[in-house]
C-alpha atoms as a PDB file:
ATOM      1  CA  MET A   1      42.434  30.771  86.492  1.00  0.00           C
ATOM      2  CA  ARG A   2      42.288  32.451  89.910  1.00  0.00           C
ATOM      3  CA  ILE A   3      39.654  34.832  88.542  1.00  0.00           C
ATOM      4  CA  LEU A   4      37.864  32.502  86.118  1.00  0.00           C
ATOM      5  CA  ILE A   5      36.971  29.676  88.513  1.00  0.00           C
ATOM      6  CA  PRO A   6      35.444  31.945  91.198  1.00  0.00           C
ATOM      7  CA  ALA A   7      33.482  33.743  88.483  1.00  0.00           C
ATOM      8  CA  LEU A   8      32.091  30.460  87.161  1.00  0.00           C
ATOM      9  CA  VAL A   9      31.206  29.180  90.646  1.00  0.00           C
ATOM     10  CA  THR A  10      29.440  32.463  91.419  1.00  0.00           C
ATOM     11  CA  ALA A  11      27.571  32.276  88.112  1.00  0.00           C
ATOM     12  CA  VAL A  12      26.309  28.821  89.086  1.00  0.00           C
ATOM     13  CA  LEU A  13      25.274  30.033  92.552  1.00  0.00           C
ATOM     14  CA  MET A  14      23.468  33.038  91.076  1.00  0.00           C
ATOM     15  CA  ALA A  15      21.750  30.696  88.602  1.00  0.00           C
ATOM     16  CA  VAL A  16      20.428  28.781  91.610  1.00  0.00           C
ATOM     17  CA  VAL A  17      19.224  32.075  93.123  1.00  0.00           C
ATOM     18  CA  TRP A  18      17.502  32.842  89.817  1.00  0.00           C
ATOM     19  CA  GLN A  19      15.985  29.366  89.467  1.00  0.00           C
ATOM     20  CA  LEU A  20      14.580  29.413  93.008  1.00  0.00           C
ATOM     21  CA  ASN A  21      13.428  33.021  92.513  1.00  0.00           C
ATOM     22  CA  LEU A  22      14.835  33.947  95.913  1.00  0.00           C
ATOM     23  CA  PRO A  23      14.488  37.724  95.465  1.00  0.00           C
ATOM     24  CA  LYS A  24      10.711  37.309  95.345  1.00  0.00           C
ATOM     25  CA  ASP A  25      10.800  35.397  98.617  1.00  0.00           C
ATOM     26  CA  PHE A  26      12.774  38.253 100.196  1.00  0.00           C
ATOM     27  CA  GLY A  27      10.477  41.009  98.974  1.00  0.00           C
ATOM     28  CA  ALA A  28      11.160  41.806  95.326  1.00  0.00           C
ATOM     29  CA  HIS A  29       8.153  42.370  93.090  1.00  0.00           C
ATOM     30  CA  PRO A  30       7.126  39.141  91.303  1.00  0.00           C
ATOM     31  CA  TRP A  31       7.158  40.845  87.883  1.00  0.00           C
ATOM     32  CA  TRP A  32      10.827  41.734  87.976  1.00  0.00           C
ATOM     33  CA  SER A  33      12.275  39.544  90.724  1.00  0.00           C
ATOM     34  CA  MET A  34      14.044  37.215  88.286  1.00  0.00           C
ATOM     35  CA  GLN A  35      15.312  40.015  86.058  1.00  0.00           C
ATOM     36  CA  VAL A  36      17.302  41.628  88.872  1.00  0.00           C
ATOM     37  CA  VAL A  37      19.377  38.454  89.157  1.00  0.00           C
ATOM     38  CA  LEU A  38      19.989  38.284  85.405  1.00  0.00           C
ATOM     39  CA  TYR A  39      21.147  41.916  85.301  1.00  0.00           C
ATOM     40  CA  GLY A  40      22.945  41.991  88.625  1.00  0.00           C
ATOM     41  CA  ALA A  41      24.968  38.778  88.526  1.00  0.00           C
ATOM     42  CA  PRO A  42      27.243  39.606  85.547  1.00  0.00           C
ATOM     43  CA  ILE A  43      27.876  43.135  86.797  1.00  0.00           C
ATOM     44  CA  GLY A  44      28.740  41.918  90.294  1.00  0.00           C
ATOM     45  CA  ILE A  45      31.014  39.179  89.014  1.00  0.00           C
ATOM     46  CA  LEU A  46      32.808  41.680  86.791  1.00  0.00           C
ATOM     47  CA  ALA A  47      33.129  44.215  89.630  1.00  0.00           C
ATOM     48  CA  ALA A  48      34.642  41.627  91.981  1.00  0.00           C
ATOM     49  CA  SER A  49      36.964  40.316  89.289  1.00  0.00           C
ATOM     50  CA  LEU A  50      38.238  43.818  88.586  1.00  0.00           C
ATOM     51  CA  ALA A  51      38.527  44.567  92.307  1.00  0.00           C
ATOM     52  CA  ALA A  52      40.717  41.463  92.660  1.00  0.00           C
ATOM     53  CA  LEU A  53      43.289  43.183  90.482  1.00  0.00           C
ATOM     54  CA  LEU A  54      43.608  46.053  92.988  1.00  0.00           C
ATOM     55  CA  PRO A  55      46.212  45.934  95.748  1.00  0.00           C
ATOM     56  CA  VAL A  56      43.569  45.524  98.471  1.00  0.00           C
ATOM     57  CA  LYS A  57      43.449  42.577 100.850  1.00  0.00           C
ATOM     58  CA  PRO A  58      40.681  40.063 100.092  1.00  0.00           C
ATOM     59  CA  LEU A  59      39.212  40.393 103.578  1.00  0.00           C
ATOM     60  CA  ILE A  60      38.780  44.142 103.133  1.00  0.00           C
ATOM     61  CA  ARG A  61      37.164  43.664  99.708  1.00  0.00           C
ATOM     62  CA  LEU A  62      34.870  41.034 101.191  1.00  0.00           C
ATOM     63  CA  ALA A  63      33.851  43.341 104.039  1.00  0.00           C
ATOM     64  CA  ILE A  64      33.151  46.219 101.662  1.00  0.00           C
ATOM     65  CA  PHE A  65      31.020  44.099  99.339  1.00  0.00           C
ATOM     66  CA  ALA A  66      29.168  42.468 102.252  1.00  0.00           C
ATOM     67  CA  LEU A  67      28.367  45.856 103.812  1.00  0.00           C
ATOM     68  CA  ALA A  68      27.268  47.139 100.424  1.00  0.00           C
ATOM     69  CA  THR A  69      24.950  44.132 100.075  1.00  0.00           C
ATOM     70  CA  ALA A  70      23.397  44.811 103.463  1.00  0.00           C
ATOM     71  CA  ALA A  71      22.974  48.512 102.646  1.00  0.00           C
ATOM     72  CA  ALA A  72      21.419  47.778  99.246  1.00  0.00           C
ATOM     73  CA  PHE A  73      19.020  45.269 100.791  1.00  0.00           C
ATOM     74  CA  TRP A  74      18.033  47.861 103.407  1.00  0.00           C
ATOM     75  CA  VAL A  75      17.354  50.422 100.659  1.00  0.00           C
ATOM     76  CA  ALA A  76      15.236  47.884  98.768  1.00  0.00           C
ATOM     77  CA  LYS A  77      13.191  46.948 101.846  1.00  0.00           C
ATOM     78  CA  ASN A  78      12.777  50.608 102.791  1.00  0.00           C
ATOM     79  CA  GLY A  79      11.554  51.388  99.291  1.00  0.00           C
ATOM     80  CA  GLN A  80       9.169  48.444  99.343  1.00  0.00           C
ATOM     81  CA  HIS A  81       7.671  49.580 102.626  1.00  0.00           C
ATOM     82  CA  GLY A  82       7.362  53.204 101.479  1.00  0.00           C
ATOM     83  CA  PHE A  83       5.760  52.152  98.221  1.00  0.00           C
ATOM     84  CA  ALA A  84       3.280  49.870  99.971  1.00  0.00           C
ATOM     85  CA  VAL A  85       2.160  52.345 102.640  1.00  0.00           C
ATOM     86  CA  SER A  86       1.659  55.042  99.999  1.00  0.00           C
ATOM     87  CA  TYR A  87      -0.674  52.737  98.034  1.00  0.00           C
ATOM     88  CA  ALA A  88       1.727  52.876  95.066  1.00  0.00           C
ATOM     89  CA  GLU A  89       1.735  56.692  94.976  1.00  0.00           C
ATOM     90  CA  ASP A  90       5.330  57.286  96.087  1.00  0.00           C
ATOM     91  CA  ALA A  91       7.359  56.988  92.907  1.00  0.00           C
ATOM     92  CA  ALA A  92      10.658  57.621  94.708  1.00  0.00           C
ATOM     93  CA  ALA A  93       9.966  54.702  97.049  1.00  0.00           C
ATOM     94  CA  GLY A  94       9.196  52.525  94.032  1.00  0.00           C
ATOM     95  CA  GLN A  95      12.522  53.493  92.491  1.00  0.00           C
ATOM     96  CA  ARG A  96      14.343  52.691  95.741  1.00  0.00           C
ATOM     97  CA  TRP A  97      12.632  49.317  95.810  1.00  0.00           C
ATOM     98  CA  PHE A  98      13.457  48.534  92.180  1.00  0.00           C
ATOM     99  CA  LEU A  99      17.008  49.885  92.067  1.00  0.00           C
ATOM    100  CA  GLY A 100      17.743  48.607  95.567  1.00  0.00           C
ATOM    101  CA  TRP A 101      17.088  45.082  94.377  1.00  0.00           C
ATOM    102  CA  HIS A 102      19.392  45.568  91.406  1.00  0.00           C
ATOM    103  CA  ALA A 103      22.104  46.844  93.741  1.00  0.00           C
ATOM    104  CA  THR A 104      21.477  43.946  96.121  1.00  0.00           C
ATOM    105  CA  MET A 105      22.022  41.370  93.391  1.00  0.00           C
ATOM    106  CA  ILE A 106      25.090  43.178  92.049  1.00  0.00           C
ATOM    107  CA  THR A 107      26.725  43.353  95.453  1.00  0.00           C
ATOM    108  CA  LEU A 108      25.634  39.820  96.374  1.00  0.00           C
ATOM    109  CA  ALA A 109      27.363  38.465  93.269  1.00  0.00           C
ATOM    110  CA  ALA A 110      30.436  40.560  94.070  1.00  0.00           C
ATOM    111  CA  THR A 111      30.456  39.291  97.664  1.00  0.00           C
ATOM    112  CA  LEU A 112      30.156  35.667  96.580  1.00  0.00           C
ATOM    113  CA  THR A 113      32.876  36.079  93.966  1.00  0.00           C
ATOM    114  CA  THR A 114      35.225  37.693  96.470  1.00  0.00           C
ATOM    115  CA  LEU A 115      34.506  35.003  99.054  1.00  0.00           C
ATOM    116  CA  ILE A 116      35.184  32.231  96.546  1.00  0.00           C
ATOM    117  CA  GLN A 117      38.341  34.012  95.362  1.00  0.00           C
ATOM    118  CA  SER A 118      39.683  34.085  98.898  1.00  0.00           C
ATOM    119  CA  LEU A 119      38.764  30.424  99.458  1.00  0.00           C
ATOM    120  CA  PHE A 120      40.290  29.433  96.125  1.00  0.00           C
ATOM    121  CA  ARG A 121      43.506  31.239  96.942  1.00  0.00           C
ATOM    122  CA  ARG A 122      44.117  29.059 100.005  1.00  0.00           C
END
């Protein structure tokens, strides 16, 4: 139960992110902004659930996932900027933009799951 409830709460929160199409508002391409949430949420929830089985303190796991989210978002924004200034010629920047958003949603779901796990534990 200590893994199932946080996973379900995170799934609901990520469904809200998907419904509001928040990645598009933060810079994801409108064509695939909703797909990154659908692909990223289950992977992030699974990663955090498996990480909860490791003998690592929840605060350390939370910090790692939060830093990973910030780094992934930076990669996505950097790729978006590089793709835009190259007039869609820089394929590597486009890949950073696309894959950065997938990584952002994966790590966001993992961060939320870890946060809810630590709150649920108390």
